[in-house]
Amino acid sequence: MAVTIKSEKQIVLMKEACRLIAITHNELGKALKPGMSTMDIDRLGEQIIRDFGCIPNFKNYNGYPASICVSVNDEVVHGIPSAKRILKEGDIVSLDAGLIYQGYHSDAARTWGIGEISSDARRLIDVTRQSFFEGIKCVKEGNHLYEISGTIQNYVESNGYSVVRDLVGHGIGTHLHEDPQIPNFKQKGRGIKLQAGMTLAIEPMVNGGSYDVEWLDDDWTVITRDGSLSAHYENTVLVTKDGCEILTLLD
């Protein structure tokens, strides 16, 4: 699949898809509390998405059974919601979600603390979020893709954490996953040249310990191999002539 450049009309639709998933994440963040099950989060998220008249794009994607990926503590991504998995004070939970609006996809992730969390957990979440904002300083027409990758890795490692190698960001549009792949770590070469109208899902996944991960027997849930905490932060962004626009953040 080639990298797609969005027309003005397509960008309008992308922006609305992204605005709606941003609202969904804000609502989920406000609802999180100790005693909730991860299934409760999924049901609420799906209800919000469908109330917008949209389709949760993760549900049944390659067989994934839920609308919201809910990953707790040492789970990096793709945690499957369960009525038996109950959030407790001090947990951190990463929510990854997207929706389809008039044929166009959005994708965003946030990591939240449940009640009072440790200072170490808070710092991990903050560094992960900031690594995204460091990375997008490189996003503008004429720059190269892998400048984003190296910048994210440098920021994360300078703060004593590690960037997951086995999972990457991606282009997005009429498909949830489009070219190009966007690693969060240095690559050989510079990568493709960015063009205005590209839409990219940039998503640092950061571990408190080693970057090594493994998959659970459900074939979806990715965990840190050393049991360390992991955080995830993602936005869909639009490349512009002089920078980028973050589409999945509310003003």
C-alpha atoms as a PDB file:
ATOM      1  CA  MET A   1       0.000   0.000   0.000  1.00  0.00           C
ATOM      2  CA  ALA A   2       1.494   3.336  -1.035  1.00  0.00           C
ATOM      3  CA  VAL A   3       1.620   6.348   1.277  1.00  0.00           C
ATOM      4  CA  THR A   4      -1.548   8.382   0.687  1.00  0.00           C
ATOM      5  CA  ILE A   5      -1.725  12.165   0.417  1.00  0.00           C
ATOM      6  CA  LYS A   6      -5.121  13.386   1.602  1.00  0.00           C
ATOM      7  CA  SER A   7      -7.163  15.934  -0.323  1.00  0.00           C
ATOM      8  CA  GLU A   8      -8.796  18.876   1.460  1.00  0.00           C
ATOM      9  CA  LYS A   9     -12.119  17.013   1.471  1.00  0.00           C
ATOM     10  CA  GLN A  10     -10.496  13.901   2.931  1.00  0.00           C
ATOM     11  CA  ILE A  11      -8.734  15.972   5.588  1.00  0.00           C
ATOM     12  CA  VAL A  12     -12.083  17.403   6.720  1.00  0.00           C
ATOM     13  CA  LEU A  13     -13.386  13.853   7.247  1.00  0.00           C
ATOM     14  CA  MET A  14     -10.185  12.755   8.990  1.00  0.00           C
ATOM     15  CA  LYS A  15     -10.403  15.743  11.337  1.00  0.00           C
ATOM     16  CA  GLU A  16     -13.941  14.831  12.368  1.00  0.00           C
ATOM     17  CA  ALA A  17     -13.031  11.166  12.919  1.00  0.00           C
ATOM     18  CA  CYS A  18     -10.129  12.335  15.077  1.00  0.00           C
ATOM     19  CA  ARG A  19     -12.155  14.913  17.014  1.00  0.00           C
ATOM     20  CA  LEU A  20     -14.668  12.231  17.974  1.00  0.00           C
ATOM     21  CA  ILE A  21     -12.033   9.769  19.211  1.00  0.00           C
ATOM     22  CA  ALA A  22     -10.441  12.600  21.220  1.00  0.00           C
ATOM     23  CA  ILE A  23     -13.792  13.162  22.943  1.00  0.00           C
ATOM     24  CA  THR A  24     -14.065   9.408  23.551  1.00  0.00           C
ATOM     25  CA  HIS A  25     -10.660   9.327  25.264  1.00  0.00           C
ATOM     26  CA  ASN A  26     -11.527  12.344  27.431  1.00  0.00           C
ATOM     27  CA  GLU A  27     -14.763  10.704  28.557  1.00  0.00           C
ATOM     28  CA  LEU A  28     -13.009   7.419  29.323  1.00  0.00           C
ATOM     29  CA  GLY A  29     -10.308   9.225  31.285  1.00  0.00           C
ATOM     30  CA  LYS A  30     -12.934  10.919  33.454  1.00  0.00           C
ATOM     31  CA  ALA A  31     -14.730   7.608  34.081  1.00  0.00           C
ATOM     32  CA  LEU A  32     -11.714   5.565  35.233  1.00  0.00           C
ATOM     33  CA  LYS A  33     -11.689   4.578  38.912  1.00  0.00           C
ATOM     34  CA  PRO A  34     -10.688   1.721  41.178  1.00  0.00           C
ATOM     35  CA  GLY A  35     -13.165  -1.162  41.058  1.00  0.00           C
ATOM     36  CA  MET A  36     -13.966  -0.833  37.351  1.00  0.00           C
ATOM     37  CA  SER A  37     -13.347  -3.852  35.200  1.00  0.00           C
ATOM     38  CA  THR A  38     -11.485  -3.500  31.927  1.00  0.00           C
ATOM     39  CA  MET A  39     -14.691  -4.781  30.291  1.00  0.00           C
ATOM     40  CA  ASP A  40     -16.561  -1.805  31.796  1.00  0.00           C
ATOM     41  CA  ILE A  41     -14.108   0.502  29.993  1.00  0.00           C
ATOM     42  CA  ASP A  42     -14.595  -1.303  26.704  1.00  0.00           C
ATOM     43  CA  ARG A  43     -18.386  -1.186  26.933  1.00  0.00           C
ATOM     44  CA  LEU A  44     -18.391   2.509  27.765  1.00  0.00           C
ATOM     45  CA  GLY A  45     -15.967   3.309  24.947  1.00  0.00           C
ATOM     46  CA  GLU A  46     -17.968   1.363  22.385  1.00  0.00           C
ATOM     47  CA  GLN A  47     -21.187   3.033  23.516  1.00  0.00           C
ATOM     48  CA  ILE A  48     -19.667   6.517  23.122  1.00  0.00           C
ATOM     49  CA  ILE A  49     -18.330   5.668  19.651  1.00  0.00           C
ATOM     50  CA  ARG A  50     -21.626   4.188  18.462  1.00  0.00           C
ATOM     51  CA  ASP A  51     -23.610   7.099  19.925  1.00  0.00           C
ATOM     52  CA  PHE A  52     -21.624   9.311  17.535  1.00  0.00           C
ATOM     53  CA  GLY A  53     -22.932   7.130  14.697  1.00  0.00           C
ATOM     54  CA  CYS A  54     -19.424   5.779  14.167  1.00  0.00           C
ATOM     55  CA  ILE A  55     -17.890   2.305  14.049  1.00  0.00           C
ATOM     56  CA  PRO A  56     -15.175   1.165  16.505  1.00  0.00           C
ATOM     57  CA  ASN A  57     -12.389   0.229  14.091  1.00  0.00           C
ATOM     58  CA  PHE A  58     -10.575  -2.122  16.465  1.00  0.00           C
ATOM     59  CA  LYS A  59     -13.562  -4.445  16.969  1.00  0.00           C
ATOM     60  CA  ASN A  60     -12.996  -7.664  15.010  1.00  0.00           C
ATOM     61  CA  TYR A  61      -9.901  -6.144  13.357  1.00  0.00           C
ATOM     62  CA  ASN A  62      -7.880  -9.263  12.470  1.00  0.00           C
ATOM     63  CA  GLY A  63     -10.017 -11.016  15.097  1.00  0.00           C
ATOM     64  CA  TYR A  64      -9.473  -8.611  18.007  1.00  0.00           C
ATOM     65  CA  PRO A  65     -12.602  -9.091  20.143  1.00  0.00           C
ATOM     66  CA  ALA A  66     -13.132  -5.621  21.650  1.00  0.00           C
ATOM     67  CA  SER A  67     -13.499  -1.921  20.782  1.00  0.00           C
ATOM     68  CA  ILE A  68     -10.925  -0.528  23.226  1.00  0.00           C
ATOM     69  CA  CYS A  69      -7.489  -2.063  23.841  1.00  0.00           C
ATOM     70  CA  VAL A  70      -7.079  -1.916  27.634  1.00  0.00           C
ATOM     71  CA  SER A  71      -3.538  -2.654  28.836  1.00  0.00           C
ATOM     72  CA  VAL A  72      -2.706  -2.579  32.556  1.00  0.00           C
ATOM     73  CA  ASN A  73       0.698  -2.052  34.226  1.00  0.00           C
ATOM     74  CA  ASP A  74       3.206  -4.353  32.457  1.00  0.00           C
ATOM     75  CA  GLU A  75       0.885  -4.822  29.460  1.00  0.00           C
ATOM     76  CA  VAL A  76       2.297  -2.747  26.607  1.00  0.00           C
ATOM     77  CA  VAL A  77      -0.590  -2.859  24.108  1.00  0.00           C
ATOM     78  CA  HIS A  78      -3.561  -4.898  22.866  1.00  0.00           C
ATOM     79  CA  GLY A  79      -4.831  -6.015  26.283  1.00  0.00           C
ATOM     80  CA  ILE A  80      -8.195  -7.759  25.875  1.00  0.00           C
ATOM     81  CA  PRO A  81     -10.938  -6.368  28.160  1.00  0.00           C
ATOM     82  CA  SER A  82     -12.295  -8.783  30.762  1.00  0.00           C
ATOM     83  CA  ALA A  83     -15.019  -8.647  33.396  1.00  0.00           C
ATOM     84  CA  LYS A  84     -12.559 -10.375  35.738  1.00  0.00           C
ATOM     85  CA  ARG A  85      -9.776  -7.793  35.396  1.00  0.00           C
ATOM     86  CA  ILE A  86     -10.492  -5.145  38.038  1.00  0.00           C
ATOM     87  CA  LEU A  87      -8.558  -1.882  38.213  1.00  0.00           C
ATOM     88  CA  LYS A  88      -7.123  -0.991  41.584  1.00  0.00           C
ATOM     89  CA  GLU A  89      -5.571   2.066  43.171  1.00  0.00           C
ATOM     90  CA  GLY A  90      -2.045   2.595  41.875  1.00  0.00           C
ATOM     91  CA  ASP A  91      -2.508   0.792  38.550  1.00  0.00           C
ATOM     92  CA  ILE A  92      -1.690   2.464  35.272  1.00  0.00           C
ATOM     93  CA  VAL A  93      -3.890   1.684  32.280  1.00  0.00           C
ATOM     94  CA  SER A  94      -3.253   2.348  28.597  1.00  0.00           C
ATOM     95  CA  LEU A  95      -6.297   2.811  26.393  1.00  0.00           C
ATOM     96  CA  ASP A  96      -5.863   2.537  22.623  1.00  0.00           C
ATOM     97  CA  ALA A  97      -8.907   3.222  20.456  1.00  0.00           C
ATOM     98  CA  GLY A  98     -10.063   4.437  17.079  1.00  0.00           C
ATOM     99  CA  LEU A  99     -13.216   4.862  15.081  1.00  0.00           C
ATOM    100  CA  ILE A 100     -14.468   5.104  11.501  1.00  0.00           C
ATOM    101  CA  TYR A 101     -16.353   8.229  10.434  1.00  0.00           C
ATOM    102  CA  GLN A 102     -17.705   8.233   6.880  1.00  0.00           C
ATOM    103  CA  GLY A 103     -15.026   5.773   5.814  1.00  0.00           C
ATOM    104  CA  TYR A 104     -12.085   7.492   7.524  1.00  0.00           C
ATOM    105  CA  HIS A 105     -10.154   6.146  10.492  1.00  0.00           C
ATOM    106  CA  SER A 106      -8.764   7.783  13.617  1.00  0.00           C
ATOM    107  CA  ASP A 107      -6.398   6.256  16.183  1.00  0.00           C
ATOM    108  CA  ALA A 108      -5.148   7.522  19.549  1.00  0.00           C
ATOM    109  CA  ALA A 109      -3.845   6.151  22.851  1.00  0.00           C
ATOM    110  CA  ARG A 110      -3.522   7.501  26.371  1.00  0.00           C
ATOM    111  CA  THR A 111      -2.066   6.088  29.595  1.00  0.00           C
ATOM    112  CA  TRP A 112      -3.861   7.022  32.814  1.00  0.00           C
ATOM    113  CA  GLY A 113      -3.157   6.499  36.496  1.00  0.00           C
ATOM    114  CA  ILE A 114      -5.851   4.937  38.676  1.00  0.00           C
ATOM    115  CA  GLY A 115      -6.206   6.951  41.878  1.00  0.00           C
ATOM    116  CA  GLU A 116      -2.867   7.724  43.515  1.00  0.00           C
ATOM    117  CA  ILE A 117       0.028   6.248  41.543  1.00  0.00           C
ATOM    118  CA  SER A 118       3.720   6.077  42.356  1.00  0.00           C
ATOM    119  CA  SER A 119       6.042   8.895  41.348  1.00  0.00           C
ATOM    120  CA  ASP A 120       7.911   6.406  39.134  1.00  0.00           C
ATOM    121  CA  ALA A 121       4.708   5.498  37.295  1.00  0.00           C
ATOM    122  CA  ARG A 122       3.793   9.169  36.886  1.00  0.00           C
ATOM    123  CA  ARG A 123       7.218   9.983  35.460  1.00  0.00           C
ATOM    124  CA  LEU A 124       7.006   7.091  32.986  1.00  0.00           C
ATOM    125  CA  ILE A 125       3.629   8.345  31.733  1.00  0.00           C
ATOM    126  CA  ASP A 126       4.909  11.928  31.474  1.00  0.00           C
ATOM    127  CA  VAL A 127       8.104  10.986  29.601  1.00  0.00           C
ATOM    128  CA  THR A 128       6.143   8.789  27.188  1.00  0.00           C
ATOM    129  CA  ARG A 129       3.736  11.631  26.419  1.00  0.00           C
ATOM    130  CA  GLN A 130       6.536  14.161  26.040  1.00  0.00           C
ATOM    131  CA  SER A 131       8.463  11.853  23.714  1.00  0.00           C
ATOM    132  CA  PHE A 132       5.575  12.167  21.262  1.00  0.00           C
ATOM    133  CA  PHE A 133       5.768  15.960  21.413  1.00  0.00           C
ATOM    134  CA  GLU A 134       9.543  15.830  20.934  1.00  0.00           C
ATOM    135  CA  GLY A 135       9.070  13.567  17.906  1.00  0.00           C
ATOM    136  CA  ILE A 136       6.527  15.781  16.174  1.00  0.00           C
ATOM    137  CA  LYS A 137       8.943  18.726  16.255  1.00  0.00           C
ATOM    138  CA  CYS A 138      10.472  16.910  13.252  1.00  0.00           C
ATOM    139  CA  VAL A 139       7.171  16.649  11.376  1.00  0.00           C
ATOM    140  CA  LYS A 140       6.861  19.036   8.461  1.00  0.00           C
ATOM    141  CA  GLU A 141       6.983  18.855   4.704  1.00  0.00           C
ATOM    142  CA  GLY A 142      10.501  18.164   3.453  1.00  0.00           C
ATOM    143  CA  ASN A 143      11.786  16.510   6.622  1.00  0.00           C
ATOM    144  CA  HIS A 144      12.439  12.776   6.676  1.00  0.00           C
ATOM    145  CA  LEU A 145      10.397  10.123   8.452  1.00  0.00           C
ATOM    146  CA  TYR A 146      13.159   8.603  10.545  1.00  0.00           C
ATOM    147  CA  GLU A 147      14.023  11.957  12.119  1.00  0.00           C
ATOM    148  CA  ILE A 148      10.867  11.345  14.174  1.00  0.00           C
ATOM    149  CA  SER A 149      12.071   7.861  15.151  1.00  0.00           C
ATOM    150  CA  GLY A 150      15.518   8.943  16.329  1.00  0.00           C
ATOM    151  CA  THR A 151      14.199  11.954  18.234  1.00  0.00           C
ATOM    152  CA  ILE A 152      11.697   9.847  20.189  1.00  0.00           C
ATOM    153  CA  GLN A 153      14.338   7.244  21.079  1.00  0.00           C
ATOM    154  CA  ASN A 154      16.875   9.877  22.146  1.00  0.00           C
ATOM    155  CA  TYR A 155      14.394  11.595  24.450  1.00  0.00           C
ATOM    156  CA  VAL A 156      13.161   8.339  26.021  1.00  0.00           C
ATOM    157  CA  GLU A 157      16.638   6.909  26.607  1.00  0.00           C
ATOM    158  CA  SER A 158      17.963  10.209  27.981  1.00  0.00           C
ATOM    159  CA  ASN A 159      15.306   9.796  30.678  1.00  0.00           C
ATOM    160  CA  GLY A 160      16.419   6.258  31.534  1.00  0.00           C
ATOM    161  CA  TYR A 161      13.643   4.316  29.790  1.00  0.00           C
ATOM    162  CA  SER A 162      13.498   2.108  26.700  1.00  0.00           C
ATOM    163  CA  VAL A 163      11.472   2.196  23.492  1.00  0.00           C
ATOM    164  CA  VAL A 164       9.646  -0.955  22.376  1.00  0.00           C
ATOM    165  CA  ARG A 165      11.152  -2.320  19.133  1.00  0.00           C
ATOM    166  CA  ASP A 166       8.535  -4.895  18.136  1.00  0.00           C
ATOM    167  CA  LEU A 167       5.677  -2.430  17.511  1.00  0.00           C
ATOM    168  CA  VAL A 168       5.557   0.779  15.485  1.00  0.00           C
ATOM    169  CA  GLY A 169       3.321   3.643  14.410  1.00  0.00           C
ATOM    170  CA  HIS A 170       1.756   3.855  10.961  1.00  0.00           C
ATOM    171  CA  GLY A 171       0.024   5.843   8.288  1.00  0.00           C
ATOM    172  CA  ILE A 172      -3.771   6.084   8.560  1.00  0.00           C
ATOM    173  CA  GLY A 173      -6.692   7.077   6.328  1.00  0.00           C
ATOM    174  CA  THR A 174      -9.310   4.891   4.667  1.00  0.00           C
ATOM    175  CA  HIS A 175      -7.479   1.996   6.369  1.00  0.00           C
ATOM    176  CA  LEU A 176      -6.472   1.811  10.027  1.00  0.00           C
ATOM    177  CA  HIS A 177      -2.934   0.793   9.100  1.00  0.00           C
ATOM    178  CA  GLU A 178      -1.411   2.334   5.990  1.00  0.00           C
ATOM    179  CA  ASP A 179       2.149   2.967   4.878  1.00  0.00           C
ATOM    180  CA  PRO A 180       4.536   4.183   6.130  1.00  0.00           C
ATOM    181  CA  GLN A 181       5.528   2.282   9.239  1.00  0.00           C
ATOM    182  CA  ILE A 182       6.843   4.715  11.869  1.00  0.00           C
ATOM    183  CA  PRO A 183       9.357   3.168  14.280  1.00  0.00           C
ATOM    184  CA  ASN A 184      10.001   4.907  17.594  1.00  0.00           C
ATOM    185  CA  PHE A 185      13.722   4.088  17.431  1.00  0.00           C
ATOM    186  CA  LYS A 186      16.645   4.963  15.148  1.00  0.00           C
ATOM    187  CA  GLN A 187      16.774   3.461  11.650  1.00  0.00           C
ATOM    188  CA  LYS A 188      19.444   3.195   9.000  1.00  0.00           C
ATOM    189  CA  GLY A 189      18.968   5.919   6.437  1.00  0.00           C
ATOM    190  CA  ARG A 190      16.551   8.822   6.659  1.00  0.00           C
ATOM    191  CA  GLY A 191      13.303   7.263   5.485  1.00  0.00           C
ATOM    192  CA  ILE A 192      10.811   8.818   3.092  1.00  0.00           C
ATOM    193  CA  LYS A 193      10.445  12.555   2.708  1.00  0.00           C
ATOM    194  CA  LEU A 194       7.328  13.887   4.438  1.00  0.00           C
ATOM    195  CA  GLN A 195       4.708  15.633   2.314  1.00  0.00           C
ATOM    196  CA  ALA A 196       1.851  17.913   3.310  1.00  0.00           C
ATOM    197  CA  GLY A 197      -1.383  15.923   3.401  1.00  0.00           C
ATOM    198  CA  MET A 198       0.093  12.767   4.918  1.00  0.00           C
ATOM    199  CA  THR A 199      -1.735  11.538   8.032  1.00  0.00           C
ATOM    200  CA  LEU A 200       0.359   9.604  10.530  1.00  0.00           C
ATOM    201  CA  ALA A 201      -0.391   7.758  13.771  1.00  0.00           C
ATOM    202  CA  ILE A 202       2.708   8.384  15.886  1.00  0.00           C
ATOM    203  CA  GLU A 203       2.731   6.253  19.029  1.00  0.00           C
ATOM    204  CA  PRO A 204       5.671   5.863  21.407  1.00  0.00           C
ATOM    205  CA  MET A 205       5.455   2.730  23.579  1.00  0.00           C
ATOM    206  CA  VAL A 206       7.885   3.078  26.466  1.00  0.00           C
ATOM    207  CA  ASN A 207       8.994   0.549  29.090  1.00  0.00           C
ATOM    208  CA  GLY A 208      10.311   1.298  32.547  1.00  0.00           C
ATOM    209  CA  GLY A 209      12.921  -1.449  32.141  1.00  0.00           C
ATOM    210  CA  SER A 210      14.160  -3.356  29.086  1.00  0.00           C
ATOM    211  CA  TYR A 211      12.557  -2.908  25.660  1.00  0.00           C
ATOM    212  CA  ASP A 212      12.040  -6.675  25.306  1.00  0.00           C
ATOM    213  CA  VAL A 213       8.424  -7.789  25.074  1.00  0.00           C
ATOM    214  CA  GLU A 214       6.507 -11.018  24.640  1.00  0.00           C
ATOM    215  CA  TRP A 215       3.012 -12.065  23.585  1.00  0.00           C
ATOM    216  CA  LEU A 216       0.591 -13.839  25.917  1.00  0.00           C
ATOM    217  CA  ASP A 217      -1.205 -17.017  24.885  1.00  0.00           C
ATOM    218  CA  ASP A 218      -4.212 -14.976  23.700  1.00  0.00           C
ATOM    219  CA  ASP A 219      -1.975 -13.917  20.755  1.00  0.00           C
ATOM    220  CA  TRP A 220      -2.862 -10.269  21.377  1.00  0.00           C
ATOM    221  CA  THR A 221      -1.669  -8.975  24.730  1.00  0.00           C
ATOM    222  CA  VAL A 222       1.933  -7.743  24.617  1.00  0.00           C
ATOM    223  CA  ILE A 223       3.752  -7.553  27.979  1.00  0.00           C
ATOM    224  CA  THR A 224       7.178  -6.397  29.102  1.00  0.00           C
ATOM    225  CA  ARG A 225       9.447  -9.408  29.439  1.00  0.00           C
ATOM    226  CA  ASP A 226      10.943  -8.125  32.700  1.00  0.00           C
ATOM    227  CA  GLY A 227       7.596  -7.206  34.273  1.00  0.00           C
ATOM    228  CA  SER A 228       8.337  -3.461  34.253  1.00  0.00           C
ATOM    229  CA  LEU A 229       5.590  -0.900  33.732  1.00  0.00           C
ATOM    230  CA  SER A 230       4.825   0.294  30.217  1.00  0.00           C
ATOM    231  CA  ALA A 231       3.108   3.440  28.900  1.00  0.00           C
ATOM    232  CA  HIS A 232       1.657   4.355  25.498  1.00  0.00           C
ATOM    233  CA  TYR A 233       0.784   7.714  23.958  1.00  0.00           C
ATOM    234  CA  GLU A 234      -0.541   8.171  20.422  1.00  0.00           C
ATOM    235  CA  ASN A 235      -2.096  10.826  18.248  1.00  0.00           C
ATOM    236  CA  THR A 236      -3.080  11.018  14.608  1.00  0.00           C
ATOM    237  CA  VAL A 237      -1.285  13.980  13.031  1.00  0.00           C
ATOM    238  CA  LEU A 238      -1.545  15.789   9.700  1.00  0.00           C
ATOM    239  CA  VAL A 239       1.690  16.836   7.988  1.00  0.00           C
ATOM    240  CA  THR A 240       1.533  20.471   6.828  1.00  0.00           C
ATOM    241  CA  LYS A 241       3.863  22.744   4.856  1.00  0.00           C
ATOM    242  CA  ASP A 242       5.391  24.244   7.990  1.00  0.00           C
ATOM    243  CA  GLY A 243       4.788  21.635  10.679  1.00  0.00           C
ATOM    244  CA  CYS A 244       1.905  19.420  11.694  1.00  0.00           C
ATOM    245  CA  GLU A 245      -1.548  19.507  13.160  1.00  0.00           C
ATOM    246  CA  ILE A 246      -2.468  17.092  15.967  1.00  0.00           C
ATOM    247  CA  LEU A 247      -5.935  15.890  15.010  1.00  0.00           C
ATOM    248  CA  THR A 248      -6.763  13.750  18.076  1.00  0.00           C
ATOM    249  CA  LEU A 249      -6.306  16.458  20.706  1.00  0.00           C
ATOM    250  CA  LEU A 250      -9.158  18.720  21.767  1.00  0.00           C
ATOM    251  CA  ASP A 251      -8.342  22.423  22.134  1.00  0.00           C
END
